[in-house]
N, C-alpha and C. Protein backbone atom coordinates (compact mmCIF):
# COMPACT_ATOMS: atom_id res chain seq x y z
N MET A 1 180.20 -51.19 154.17
CA MET A 1 181.35 -51.25 155.29
C MET A 1 182.17 -52.27 154.87
N THR A 2 183.47 -52.12 154.79
CA THR A 2 184.46 -53.19 154.41
C THR A 2 185.21 -53.89 155.86
N SER A 3 185.67 -55.10 155.84
CA SER A 3 186.21 -55.78 156.70
C SER A 3 187.32 -55.09 156.93
N LYS A 4 188.34 -55.84 158.16
CA LYS A 4 189.58 -55.33 158.43
C LYS A 4 190.49 -55.97 157.13
N THR A 5 190.16 -56.87 156.48
CA THR A 5 190.83 -57.56 155.41
C THR A 5 190.95 -56.48 154.18
N ASP A 6 189.91 -55.59 154.16
CA ASP A 6 190.08 -54.62 153.05
C ASP A 6 190.52 -53.17 153.52
N ALA A 7 190.33 -52.94 154.50
CA ALA A 7 190.84 -51.51 155.05
C ALA A 7 191.25 -51.49 156.62
N ASP A 8 192.22 -50.82 156.85
CA ASP A 8 192.53 -50.71 158.06
C ASP A 8 191.91 -50.03 159.13
N CYS A 9 191.23 -49.08 158.78
CA CYS A 9 190.56 -48.16 159.83
C CYS A 9 189.62 -47.32 158.90
N ARG A 10 188.38 -47.15 159.16
CA ARG A 10 187.44 -46.08 158.35
C ARG A 10 186.55 -45.37 159.38
N LEU A 11 186.01 -44.23 158.87
CA LEU A 11 185.06 -43.20 159.64
C LEU A 11 183.73 -43.96 159.34
N TYR A 12 183.08 -43.83 160.44
CA TYR A 12 181.72 -44.41 160.58
C TYR A 12 180.92 -43.29 161.09
N LEU A 13 180.12 -42.68 160.30
CA LEU A 13 179.25 -41.19 160.90
C LEU A 13 177.97 -41.57 161.32
N ILE A 14 177.63 -40.95 162.42
CA ILE A 14 176.33 -41.29 163.02
C ILE A 14 175.64 -39.63 162.87
N THR A 15 174.30 -39.89 162.43
CA THR A 15 173.48 -38.65 162.46
C THR A 15 173.42 -37.81 163.85
N PRO A 16 173.15 -36.53 163.68
CA PRO A 16 172.74 -35.96 164.97
C PRO A 16 171.33 -36.68 165.57
N PRO A 17 171.26 -36.58 166.83
CA PRO A 17 169.93 -37.40 167.46
C PRO A 17 168.69 -36.76 167.05
N ARG A 18 168.72 -35.37 166.44
CA ARG A 18 167.42 -35.11 165.91
C ARG A 18 167.60 -34.16 164.62
N LEU A 19 166.65 -34.30 163.73
CA LEU A 19 166.81 -33.61 162.30
C LEU A 19 165.43 -32.85 162.16
N ASP A 20 165.72 -31.64 162.74
CA ASP A 20 164.59 -30.78 162.55
C ASP A 20 164.25 -30.39 161.13
N ASP A 21 165.21 -30.04 160.26
CA ASP A 21 165.18 -29.77 158.84
C ASP A 21 165.81 -30.99 157.96
N LEU A 22 164.87 -31.81 157.62
CA LEU A 22 165.64 -32.86 156.94
C LEU A 22 166.14 -32.38 155.68
N ALA A 23 165.81 -31.44 154.88
CA ALA A 23 165.95 -30.95 153.66
C ALA A 23 167.44 -30.55 153.78
N ALA A 24 167.32 -29.52 154.59
CA ALA A 24 168.58 -28.80 155.14
C ALA A 24 169.84 -29.72 155.48
N PHE A 25 169.46 -30.61 156.35
CA PHE A 25 170.58 -31.58 156.70
C PHE A 25 171.02 -32.46 155.63
N ALA A 26 170.11 -32.82 154.55
CA ALA A 26 170.46 -33.50 153.39
C ALA A 26 171.54 -32.98 152.72
N HIS A 27 171.54 -31.56 152.55
CA HIS A 27 172.53 -30.88 151.78
C HIS A 27 173.91 -30.68 152.54
N VAL A 28 173.87 -30.50 153.81
CA VAL A 28 175.01 -30.70 154.58
C VAL A 28 175.64 -32.12 154.58
N LEU A 29 174.85 -33.16 154.65
CA LEU A 29 175.37 -34.47 154.73
C LEU A 29 175.99 -34.74 153.33
N ALA A 30 175.55 -34.31 152.11
CA ALA A 30 175.90 -34.51 150.99
C ALA A 30 177.38 -33.88 150.82
N ALA A 31 177.64 -32.69 151.26
CA ALA A 31 178.92 -31.92 151.21
C ALA A 31 179.83 -32.73 152.38
N THR A 32 179.31 -33.22 153.45
CA THR A 32 180.26 -33.93 154.44
C THR A 32 180.57 -35.07 153.78
N LEU A 33 179.98 -35.94 153.20
CA LEU A 33 180.43 -37.43 152.69
C LEU A 33 181.38 -37.09 151.52
N ASP A 34 181.37 -35.76 150.71
CA ASP A 34 181.97 -35.51 149.71
C ASP A 34 183.45 -35.19 149.97
N ALA A 35 183.58 -34.90 151.41
CA ALA A 35 184.82 -34.19 152.04
C ALA A 35 185.97 -35.24 152.35
N GLY A 36 185.53 -36.52 152.39
CA GLY A 36 186.60 -37.49 152.57
C GLY A 36 185.78 -38.89 152.84
N ASP A 37 186.74 -39.91 153.00
CA ASP A 37 186.36 -41.31 153.29
C ASP A 37 185.58 -41.46 154.15
N VAL A 38 184.15 -42.05 154.19
CA VAL A 38 183.17 -42.36 155.08
C VAL A 38 182.57 -43.70 154.67
N ALA A 39 182.71 -44.77 155.63
CA ALA A 39 182.54 -46.21 155.22
C ALA A 39 180.96 -46.33 155.65
N ALA A 40 180.39 -45.80 156.67
CA ALA A 40 178.78 -45.99 156.79
C ALA A 40 178.18 -44.84 157.54
N LEU A 41 177.04 -44.56 157.21
CA LEU A 41 176.10 -43.63 157.97
C LEU A 41 174.93 -44.43 158.75
N GLN A 42 175.03 -43.95 160.03
CA GLN A 42 174.08 -44.58 161.00
C GLN A 42 173.04 -43.53 161.08
N ILE A 43 171.95 -43.96 160.90
CA ILE A 43 170.74 -42.95 161.25
C ILE A 43 170.39 -43.47 162.68
N ARG A 44 170.57 -42.32 163.38
CA ARG A 44 170.12 -42.66 164.97
C ARG A 44 169.15 -41.64 165.37
N LEU A 45 167.99 -41.99 165.06
CA LEU A 45 166.89 -40.93 165.90
C LEU A 45 166.17 -41.54 166.86
N LYS A 46 166.69 -41.40 168.08
CA LYS A 46 166.11 -42.19 169.19
C LYS A 46 164.56 -41.60 169.44
N ASP A 47 163.68 -42.50 169.60
CA ASP A 47 162.38 -42.46 169.91
C ASP A 47 161.55 -41.52 169.02
N ALA A 48 162.06 -41.46 167.67
CA ALA A 48 161.31 -40.60 166.80
C ALA A 48 160.15 -41.59 166.08
N PRO A 49 159.07 -41.01 165.76
CA PRO A 49 158.06 -41.93 165.09
C PRO A 49 158.42 -42.47 164.01
N ASP A 50 157.85 -43.63 163.77
CA ASP A 50 158.17 -44.35 162.39
C ASP A 50 158.32 -43.59 161.16
N GLU A 51 157.25 -42.63 161.07
CA GLU A 51 157.25 -42.03 159.73
C GLU A 51 158.33 -40.84 159.54
N VAL A 52 159.08 -40.38 160.60
CA VAL A 52 160.14 -39.68 160.59
C VAL A 52 161.36 -40.34 160.27
N ILE A 53 161.57 -41.77 160.86
CA ILE A 53 162.70 -42.44 160.42
C ILE A 53 162.66 -42.90 159.04
N ALA A 54 161.39 -43.15 158.60
CA ALA A 54 161.11 -43.64 157.14
C ALA A 54 161.55 -42.36 156.19
N ALA A 55 161.32 -41.18 156.69
CA ALA A 55 161.54 -40.04 155.76
C ALA A 55 163.08 -39.90 155.61
N ALA A 56 163.82 -40.14 156.85
CA ALA A 56 165.00 -39.89 157.16
C ALA A 56 165.87 -40.95 156.15
N VAL A 57 165.65 -42.10 156.38
CA VAL A 57 166.06 -43.18 155.42
C VAL A 57 165.99 -43.09 153.91
N GLU A 58 164.75 -42.82 153.56
CA GLU A 58 164.43 -42.41 152.09
C GLU A 58 165.41 -41.16 151.60
N VAL A 59 165.37 -39.97 152.15
CA VAL A 59 166.22 -38.97 151.90
C VAL A 59 167.58 -39.26 152.02
N LEU A 60 168.04 -39.47 153.18
CA LEU A 60 169.55 -39.48 153.32
C LEU A 60 170.17 -41.01 152.76
N GLY A 61 169.34 -41.94 152.59
CA GLY A 61 169.87 -43.30 152.08
C GLY A 61 170.37 -43.13 150.68
N VAL A 62 169.72 -42.35 149.81
CA VAL A 62 170.02 -41.98 148.47
C VAL A 62 171.34 -41.44 148.49
N ILE A 63 171.62 -40.27 149.37
CA ILE A 63 172.85 -39.45 149.49
C ILE A 63 173.86 -40.40 149.72
N ALA A 64 173.73 -41.36 150.74
CA ALA A 64 174.92 -42.11 151.24
C ALA A 64 175.12 -43.10 150.20
N ARG A 65 174.27 -43.98 149.78
CA ARG A 65 174.32 -45.09 148.70
C ARG A 65 174.88 -44.55 147.78
N SER A 66 174.75 -43.29 146.98
CA SER A 66 175.16 -42.82 145.81
C SER A 66 176.67 -42.51 145.85
N ARG A 67 177.23 -42.38 147.25
CA ARG A 67 178.48 -42.45 147.50
C ARG A 67 179.23 -43.61 147.98
N GLY A 68 178.53 -44.74 147.74
CA GLY A 68 179.16 -45.86 148.31
C GLY A 68 179.32 -46.01 149.94
N VAL A 69 178.30 -45.37 150.36
CA VAL A 69 178.24 -45.24 152.06
C VAL A 69 177.21 -46.18 152.40
N ALA A 70 177.57 -47.19 153.40
CA ALA A 70 176.38 -48.10 153.88
C ALA A 70 175.57 -47.39 154.60
N VAL A 71 174.00 -47.49 154.69
CA VAL A 71 173.26 -47.11 155.54
C VAL A 71 172.76 -48.07 156.72
N ILE A 72 172.93 -47.65 157.97
CA ILE A 72 172.73 -48.28 159.06
C ILE A 72 171.55 -47.75 159.93
N LEU A 73 170.60 -48.47 160.37
CA LEU A 73 169.66 -48.02 161.15
C LEU A 73 169.84 -48.39 162.51
N ASN A 74 169.84 -47.36 163.32
CA ASN A 74 169.97 -47.56 164.86
C ASN A 74 168.88 -48.18 165.63
N ASP A 75 168.94 -49.24 166.54
CA ASP A 75 167.90 -49.63 167.27
C ASP A 75 166.76 -50.68 166.55
N ARG A 76 166.24 -50.26 165.38
CA ARG A 76 165.05 -50.87 164.89
C ARG A 76 165.38 -51.94 163.66
N PRO A 77 165.45 -53.03 164.02
CA PRO A 77 165.55 -54.01 163.05
C PRO A 77 164.71 -54.37 162.21
N ASP A 78 163.10 -54.25 162.80
CA ASP A 78 162.22 -54.20 162.02
C ASP A 78 162.11 -53.24 160.99
N LEU A 79 162.43 -51.93 161.12
CA LEU A 79 162.33 -50.69 160.35
C LEU A 79 163.57 -50.89 159.14
N ALA A 80 164.51 -51.47 159.76
CA ALA A 80 165.98 -51.76 158.90
C ALA A 80 165.54 -52.74 157.84
N ALA A 81 164.75 -53.52 157.91
CA ALA A 81 164.28 -54.36 156.91
C ALA A 81 163.24 -53.84 156.08
N LYS A 82 162.38 -53.27 156.81
CA LYS A 82 161.08 -52.73 155.93
C LYS A 82 161.63 -51.60 155.16
N PHE A 83 162.55 -50.96 155.50
CA PHE A 83 163.08 -49.69 154.57
C PHE A 83 164.34 -50.10 153.77
N ASP A 84 164.60 -51.45 153.70
CA ASP A 84 166.06 -51.80 153.13
C ASP A 84 167.10 -51.06 153.14
N CYS A 85 167.59 -50.94 154.55
CA CYS A 85 168.64 -50.51 154.99
C CYS A 85 170.03 -51.67 154.88
N ASP A 86 170.92 -51.14 154.80
CA ASP A 86 172.11 -52.15 154.61
C ASP A 86 172.28 -52.95 155.88
N GLY A 87 171.97 -52.43 156.95
CA GLY A 87 171.95 -53.13 158.31
C GLY A 87 171.31 -52.50 159.52
N VAL A 88 171.46 -52.88 160.49
CA VAL A 88 170.97 -52.23 161.79
C VAL A 88 172.14 -52.28 163.04
N HIS A 89 171.99 -51.49 163.91
CA HIS A 89 172.78 -51.55 165.16
C HIS A 89 172.22 -51.51 166.11
N VAL A 90 172.41 -52.49 167.09
CA VAL A 90 171.54 -52.67 168.34
C VAL A 90 172.34 -52.60 169.53
N GLY A 91 171.91 -51.94 170.64
CA GLY A 91 172.50 -51.96 171.86
C GLY A 91 171.99 -52.93 172.72
N GLN A 92 172.71 -53.10 173.90
CA GLN A 92 172.47 -54.35 175.02
C GLN A 92 170.83 -53.89 175.44
N SER A 93 170.41 -52.92 175.42
CA SER A 93 168.92 -52.79 176.02
C SER A 93 168.01 -52.99 174.77
N ASP A 94 168.51 -52.95 173.61
CA ASP A 94 167.61 -53.20 172.43
C ASP A 94 167.41 -54.62 172.11
N ALA A 95 166.84 -54.81 170.79
CA ALA A 95 166.60 -56.20 170.37
C ALA A 95 167.94 -56.95 170.55
N SER A 96 167.80 -58.22 170.99
CA SER A 96 168.96 -58.89 170.99
C SER A 96 169.53 -59.24 169.58
N TYR A 97 170.71 -59.82 169.53
CA TYR A 97 171.56 -60.21 168.09
C TYR A 97 170.64 -61.11 167.45
N ALA A 98 170.08 -62.20 168.27
CA ALA A 98 169.27 -63.13 167.46
C ALA A 98 168.07 -62.50 166.93
N GLU A 99 167.43 -61.55 167.72
CA GLU A 99 166.16 -61.28 167.30
C GLU A 99 166.21 -60.08 166.04
N ALA A 100 167.29 -59.46 166.19
CA ALA A 100 167.88 -58.36 165.15
C ALA A 100 168.15 -59.19 163.82
N ARG A 101 168.83 -60.48 163.82
CA ARG A 101 169.03 -61.02 162.63
C ARG A 101 167.82 -61.96 162.07
N ARG A 102 166.97 -62.26 162.95
CA ARG A 102 165.74 -62.83 162.41
C ARG A 102 164.97 -61.60 161.65
N LEU A 103 164.86 -60.66 161.94
CA LEU A 103 164.11 -59.66 161.30
C LEU A 103 164.86 -59.07 160.04
N VAL A 104 166.11 -58.80 160.09
CA VAL A 104 166.66 -58.31 159.07
C VAL A 104 167.17 -59.28 158.04
N GLY A 105 167.43 -60.56 158.32
CA GLY A 105 167.76 -61.62 157.59
C GLY A 105 169.26 -62.00 157.42
N PRO A 106 169.70 -62.66 156.57
CA PRO A 106 170.99 -62.86 156.38
C PRO A 106 172.12 -61.85 155.58
N GLY A 107 171.29 -60.94 154.69
CA GLY A 107 171.71 -60.30 153.85
C GLY A 107 172.34 -58.93 154.21
N ARG A 108 171.80 -58.61 155.38
CA ARG A 108 171.95 -57.22 156.13
C ARG A 108 173.01 -57.39 157.14
N MET A 109 173.86 -56.17 157.44
CA MET A 109 174.51 -56.22 158.71
C MET A 109 173.85 -56.02 160.06
N VAL A 110 174.57 -56.79 161.01
CA VAL A 110 174.05 -56.45 162.27
C VAL A 110 175.16 -56.07 163.18
N GLY A 111 175.23 -54.86 163.69
CA GLY A 111 176.37 -54.48 164.78
C GLY A 111 175.81 -54.29 165.92
N VAL A 112 176.60 -54.67 167.17
CA VAL A 112 176.00 -54.77 168.42
C VAL A 112 176.97 -53.98 169.44
N THR A 113 176.38 -53.10 170.24
CA THR A 113 177.08 -52.29 171.16
C THR A 113 177.43 -53.45 172.25
N CYS A 114 178.82 -53.15 172.65
CA CYS A 114 179.42 -54.05 173.77
C CYS A 114 180.17 -53.29 174.78
N HIS A 115 179.75 -52.15 175.05
CA HIS A 115 180.67 -51.21 175.96
C HIS A 115 181.97 -51.41 176.14
N ASP A 116 182.37 -51.74 177.31
CA ASP A 116 183.77 -51.91 177.47
C ASP A 116 184.01 -53.56 177.92
N SER A 117 182.96 -54.62 177.47
CA SER A 117 182.96 -55.65 177.73
C SER A 117 183.58 -56.73 176.40
N ARG A 118 184.64 -57.33 176.67
CA ARG A 118 185.20 -58.48 175.83
C ARG A 118 184.27 -59.60 175.76
N HIS A 119 183.68 -60.01 176.92
CA HIS A 119 182.89 -60.91 176.81
C HIS A 119 181.61 -60.68 176.00
N LEU A 120 180.99 -59.49 176.23
CA LEU A 120 179.80 -59.33 175.48
C LEU A 120 180.17 -59.38 174.03
N ALA A 121 181.26 -58.82 173.57
CA ALA A 121 181.82 -58.93 172.34
C ALA A 121 181.99 -60.04 171.66
N MET A 122 182.68 -61.09 172.49
CA MET A 122 182.87 -62.40 172.13
C MET A 122 181.76 -63.15 171.82
N GLU A 123 180.69 -62.94 172.75
CA GLU A 123 179.27 -63.39 172.51
C GLU A 123 178.78 -63.19 171.31
N ALA A 124 178.65 -61.91 171.03
CA ALA A 124 178.22 -61.25 169.82
C ALA A 124 178.90 -61.69 168.56
N ALA A 125 180.29 -61.82 168.58
CA ALA A 125 181.02 -62.15 167.66
C ALA A 125 180.71 -63.70 167.12
N GLU A 126 180.65 -64.31 168.09
CA GLU A 126 180.46 -65.89 167.94
C GLU A 126 178.93 -66.33 167.66
N ALA A 127 178.16 -65.24 167.81
CA ALA A 127 176.62 -65.54 167.21
C ALA A 127 176.67 -65.06 165.89
N GLY A 128 177.53 -64.24 165.30
CA GLY A 128 177.31 -63.84 164.03
C GLY A 128 177.49 -62.48 163.71
N ALA A 129 177.66 -61.55 164.66
CA ALA A 129 177.57 -60.36 164.52
C ALA A 129 178.72 -59.75 163.59
N ASP A 130 178.17 -58.73 162.65
CA ASP A 130 179.16 -58.40 161.53
C ASP A 130 180.15 -57.40 162.23
N TYR A 131 179.89 -56.66 163.31
CA TYR A 131 180.90 -55.75 164.05
C TYR A 131 180.37 -55.56 165.39
N VAL A 132 181.35 -55.31 166.29
CA VAL A 132 181.03 -55.20 167.65
C VAL A 132 181.65 -53.67 167.86
N ALA A 133 180.87 -53.00 168.93
CA ALA A 133 181.20 -51.70 169.27
C ALA A 133 181.75 -51.37 170.45
N PHE A 134 182.79 -50.96 170.83
CA PHE A 134 183.32 -50.45 172.33
C PHE A 134 183.21 -49.18 172.35
N GLY A 135 182.89 -48.81 173.59
CA GLY A 135 182.96 -47.30 174.04
C GLY A 135 182.16 -47.14 175.51
N ALA A 136 181.98 -45.96 175.87
CA ALA A 136 182.52 -44.69 175.31
C ALA A 136 184.11 -44.53 175.76
N PHE A 137 184.92 -43.97 174.91
CA PHE A 137 186.12 -43.79 175.04
C PHE A 137 186.57 -42.59 175.78
N PHE A 138 185.79 -41.59 175.62
CA PHE A 138 185.93 -40.21 175.99
C PHE A 138 184.44 -39.78 176.32
N PRO A 139 184.46 -38.79 177.10
CA PRO A 139 183.27 -38.07 177.51
C PRO A 139 182.46 -37.59 176.31
N THR A 140 180.93 -37.87 176.34
CA THR A 140 180.27 -37.53 175.12
C THR A 140 178.94 -36.80 175.53
N SER A 141 178.55 -35.88 174.69
CA SER A 141 177.23 -35.05 174.99
C SER A 141 176.01 -35.61 174.27
N THR A 142 176.47 -36.74 173.38
CA THR A 142 175.39 -37.21 172.61
C THR A 142 174.64 -38.15 173.15
N LYS A 143 174.95 -39.06 174.13
CA LYS A 143 174.28 -39.92 174.89
C LYS A 143 174.64 -40.06 176.23
N ASP A 144 174.16 -40.45 177.08
CA ASP A 144 174.56 -40.68 178.53
C ASP A 144 175.07 -42.23 178.66
N ALA A 145 176.58 -42.15 178.52
CA ALA A 145 177.43 -43.50 178.30
C ALA A 145 177.50 -43.87 179.81
N ALA A 146 177.28 -45.04 180.05
CA ALA A 146 177.40 -45.73 181.31
C ALA A 146 178.77 -46.43 181.61
N THR A 147 179.33 -46.71 180.45
CA THR A 147 180.66 -47.09 180.75
C THR A 147 181.71 -46.57 179.77
N ARG A 148 183.03 -46.77 180.52
CA ARG A 148 183.95 -46.17 179.74
C ARG A 148 185.17 -47.13 179.56
N ALA A 149 185.52 -47.22 178.17
CA ALA A 149 186.27 -48.17 177.67
C ALA A 149 187.67 -47.60 177.36
N ASP A 150 188.77 -48.75 177.73
CA ASP A 150 190.12 -48.14 177.51
C ASP A 150 190.69 -48.58 176.12
N PRO A 151 191.35 -47.72 175.33
CA PRO A 151 191.97 -48.21 174.13
C PRO A 151 192.64 -49.57 174.12
N GLU A 152 193.00 -50.19 175.11
CA GLU A 152 193.64 -51.54 175.05
C GLU A 152 192.66 -52.55 174.55
N ILE A 153 191.41 -52.35 174.88
CA ILE A 153 190.55 -53.30 174.36
C ILE A 153 190.51 -53.56 172.80
N LEU A 154 190.62 -52.25 172.28
CA LEU A 154 190.77 -52.54 170.82
C LEU A 154 192.09 -53.13 170.25
N SER A 155 193.17 -53.10 170.99
CA SER A 155 194.26 -53.85 170.55
C SER A 155 194.24 -55.32 170.96
N ILE A 156 193.75 -55.64 171.97
CA ILE A 156 193.44 -57.14 172.60
C ILE A 156 192.46 -57.78 171.44
N TRP A 157 191.48 -57.05 171.22
CA TRP A 157 190.41 -57.44 170.09
C TRP A 157 191.23 -57.70 168.80
N GLN A 158 191.81 -56.68 168.32
CA GLN A 158 192.52 -56.80 167.07
C GLN A 158 193.40 -58.07 166.98
N GLU A 159 194.02 -58.43 168.05
CA GLU A 159 195.12 -59.47 168.10
C GLU A 159 194.48 -60.96 168.28
N THR A 160 193.26 -60.94 168.73
CA THR A 160 192.55 -62.37 169.05
C THR A 160 191.39 -62.60 168.09
N MET A 161 190.74 -61.43 167.81
CA MET A 161 189.43 -61.97 167.07
C MET A 161 189.24 -61.26 165.54
N ALA A 162 188.75 -61.95 164.56
CA ALA A 162 188.43 -61.68 163.20
C ALA A 162 187.34 -60.50 163.05
N THR A 163 186.45 -60.69 164.01
CA THR A 163 185.23 -59.72 163.59
C THR A 163 185.60 -58.21 163.82
N PRO A 164 185.37 -57.17 162.88
CA PRO A 164 185.76 -55.87 162.71
C PRO A 164 185.08 -55.22 164.38
N CYS A 165 185.87 -54.37 164.80
CA CYS A 165 185.48 -53.36 165.95
C CYS A 165 185.47 -52.03 165.62
N VAL A 166 184.50 -51.43 166.50
CA VAL A 166 184.14 -50.03 166.14
C VAL A 166 184.50 -49.45 167.58
N ALA A 167 185.07 -48.06 167.47
CA ALA A 167 185.21 -47.42 168.66
C ALA A 167 184.36 -46.33 168.62
N ILE A 168 183.67 -45.94 169.64
CA ILE A 168 182.60 -44.83 169.74
C ILE A 168 182.58 -44.10 171.11
N GLY A 169 182.35 -42.97 171.15
CA GLY A 169 181.93 -42.31 172.30
C GLY A 169 182.95 -41.13 172.57
N GLY A 170 182.53 -39.72 172.16
CA GLY A 170 183.36 -38.71 172.47
C GLY A 170 184.64 -38.61 171.61
N ILE A 171 184.49 -39.14 170.49
CA ILE A 171 185.69 -38.93 169.51
C ILE A 171 185.54 -37.95 168.57
N THR A 172 186.86 -37.04 168.47
CA THR A 172 186.75 -36.00 167.68
C THR A 172 188.26 -36.23 166.94
N ALA A 173 188.64 -35.32 165.91
CA ALA A 173 189.85 -35.40 165.14
C ALA A 173 190.93 -35.11 166.00
N ASP A 174 190.90 -34.53 167.31
CA ASP A 174 192.12 -34.37 168.35
C ASP A 174 192.34 -35.90 168.98
N ASN A 175 191.29 -36.56 169.09
CA ASN A 175 191.67 -38.03 169.74
C ASN A 175 191.33 -39.30 169.12
N ALA A 176 191.15 -39.12 167.86
CA ALA A 176 190.67 -40.19 167.03
C ALA A 176 192.09 -41.22 166.71
N ALA A 177 193.34 -40.37 166.48
CA ALA A 177 194.47 -41.03 166.13
C ALA A 177 194.94 -42.16 166.94
N GLY A 178 194.76 -42.26 168.21
CA GLY A 178 195.06 -43.04 169.39
C GLY A 178 194.21 -44.27 169.11
N LEU A 179 192.94 -44.01 168.79
CA LEU A 179 192.11 -45.11 168.68
C LEU A 179 192.50 -45.87 167.27
N ALA A 180 192.63 -45.16 166.34
CA ALA A 180 193.07 -46.12 165.07
C ALA A 180 194.45 -46.72 165.37
N ALA A 181 195.26 -45.98 166.23
CA ALA A 181 196.57 -46.81 166.50
C ALA A 181 196.32 -48.06 167.25
N ALA A 182 195.27 -48.00 168.16
CA ALA A 182 195.33 -49.07 169.04
C ALA A 182 194.55 -50.31 168.39
N GLY A 183 193.82 -50.11 167.23
CA GLY A 183 193.31 -51.16 166.68
C GLY A 183 191.95 -51.20 166.12
N ALA A 184 191.38 -49.80 166.18
CA ALA A 184 189.81 -49.99 165.73
C ALA A 184 189.81 -49.91 164.36
N ASP A 185 188.79 -50.86 163.89
CA ASP A 185 188.77 -51.02 162.50
C ASP A 185 187.79 -49.74 161.89
N PHE A 186 187.04 -49.29 162.77
CA PHE A 186 185.95 -48.08 162.45
C PHE A 186 185.93 -47.18 163.49
N ILE A 187 186.12 -45.82 163.27
CA ILE A 187 185.95 -44.79 164.15
C ILE A 187 184.49 -44.21 164.02
N ALA A 188 183.62 -44.21 165.02
CA ALA A 188 182.21 -43.77 165.06
C ALA A 188 182.38 -42.33 165.55
N VAL A 189 181.69 -41.25 164.93
CA VAL A 189 181.63 -39.99 165.20
C VAL A 189 180.33 -39.52 164.82
N SER A 190 179.88 -38.57 165.83
CA SER A 190 178.60 -37.76 165.73
C SER A 190 178.84 -36.42 166.10
N ALA A 191 178.66 -35.82 167.07
CA ALA A 191 179.17 -34.78 167.50
C ALA A 191 180.46 -33.91 167.04
N GLY A 192 181.29 -35.01 167.07
CA GLY A 192 182.68 -34.58 166.70
C GLY A 192 182.75 -34.05 165.16
N VAL A 193 181.72 -34.45 164.34
CA VAL A 193 181.52 -34.03 163.29
C VAL A 193 180.47 -32.71 163.20
N TRP A 194 179.34 -33.08 163.50
CA TRP A 194 178.24 -32.10 163.40
C TRP A 194 178.54 -30.89 164.09
N VAL A 195 179.10 -30.67 165.14
CA VAL A 195 179.46 -29.40 165.98
C VAL A 195 180.71 -28.98 165.76
N HIS A 196 181.56 -29.36 164.89
CA HIS A 196 182.80 -28.91 164.57
C HIS A 196 182.68 -27.34 164.36
N PRO A 197 183.78 -26.65 164.97
CA PRO A 197 183.64 -25.30 164.77
C PRO A 197 183.93 -24.61 163.56
N ASP A 198 184.60 -25.55 162.73
CA ASP A 198 185.00 -25.21 161.18
C ASP A 198 183.86 -25.85 160.21
N GLY A 199 182.92 -26.47 160.58
CA GLY A 199 182.04 -27.31 159.98
C GLY A 199 182.13 -28.89 159.82
N PRO A 200 181.03 -29.52 159.43
CA PRO A 200 181.25 -31.00 159.18
C PRO A 200 182.26 -31.52 158.37
N ALA A 201 182.27 -30.76 156.94
CA ALA A 201 183.32 -31.24 156.11
C ALA A 201 184.80 -31.24 156.47
N VAL A 202 185.04 -30.13 157.19
CA VAL A 202 186.34 -29.82 157.66
C VAL A 202 186.70 -30.86 158.56
N ALA A 203 185.63 -31.47 159.40
CA ALA A 203 185.76 -32.40 160.61
C ALA A 203 185.91 -33.72 159.78
N VAL A 204 185.34 -34.07 158.97
CA VAL A 204 185.50 -35.33 158.08
C VAL A 204 187.03 -35.43 157.52
N LYS A 205 187.43 -34.13 156.95
CA LYS A 205 188.89 -34.26 156.46
C LYS A 205 189.98 -34.41 157.66
N ALA A 206 189.58 -33.85 158.58
CA ALA A 206 190.75 -33.74 159.85
C ALA A 206 190.59 -35.22 160.54
N LEU A 207 189.37 -35.92 160.66
CA LEU A 207 189.21 -37.31 161.11
C LEU A 207 189.95 -38.24 160.19
N ASN A 208 189.90 -38.13 159.01
CA ASN A 208 190.41 -38.87 158.16
C ASN A 208 192.10 -38.81 158.11
N ALA A 209 192.47 -37.76 158.44
CA ALA A 209 194.08 -37.25 158.62
C ALA A 209 194.42 -37.78 159.86
N ALA A 210 193.45 -37.85 160.98
CA ALA A 210 193.95 -38.56 162.20
C ALA A 210 193.99 -39.92 162.13
N ILE A 211 193.12 -40.38 161.36
CA ILE A 211 193.01 -41.91 161.28
C ILE A 211 194.52 -42.43 160.64
N ALA A 212 194.84 -41.54 159.48
CA ALA A 212 196.02 -42.11 158.59
C ALA A 212 197.21 -41.96 159.71
N LYS A 213 196.93 -40.87 160.50
CA LYS A 213 198.09 -40.59 161.28
C LYS A 213 198.34 -41.82 162.48
N GLY A 214 197.19 -42.28 162.96
CA GLY A 214 197.00 -43.44 164.05
C GLY A 214 197.50 -44.77 163.20
N LEU A 215 197.15 -44.87 161.94
CA LEU A 215 197.55 -46.31 161.27
C LEU A 215 199.04 -46.38 161.01
N ALA A 216 199.55 -45.02 160.72
CA ALA A 216 201.08 -45.06 160.65
C ALA A 216 201.90 -45.42 161.92
N ALA A 217 201.24 -45.09 162.88
CA ALA A 217 201.72 -45.66 164.23
C ALA A 217 201.64 -46.92 164.69
N ARG A 218 200.75 -47.76 164.06
CA ARG A 218 200.46 -49.10 164.21
C ARG A 218 201.64 -50.02 164.18
């Protein structure tokens, strides 16, 4: 992942919540990443056994890294370090930033969910987080989002803070442009790619076009 000094806004892809056929998904992922610019792949397998996560990181990590895509593990800083991921993403109910940083060390990224709170985001940024994530911006079927963020939070953050911000929650090619225009450094998408009616590769192309449209409107 690159900072806002290197790129204005990029796509941050999140895996489906379950991977029942890892080999089949690996082929889909390769084609999806080849379809357009993707900065990072977050492997998000909630409540999966460690061995399932290990297999996913091993298989998907090779595909992502061969294309210059950072590999981020959700929730588990211990496994992110053990499996040599590029970073970890933690929520407010997961490990604290300090604990995550202790486990992954100084050389890996730590991103923090901050919901709709600039206060939480400022605390995370001041502690040293590599990025903060705001959301959900739209209704989402991927997880039960307790908060709804307004795009204005991205604009305010962009104007006042140097730490990159990620927009997440119910984002599709139809609504991503506004978030890019508002100031998101990264647009995080899961279902908007994997359940796109024309397929994930088409979704990535459409999302990159939407991001470009949003950047043009900044």
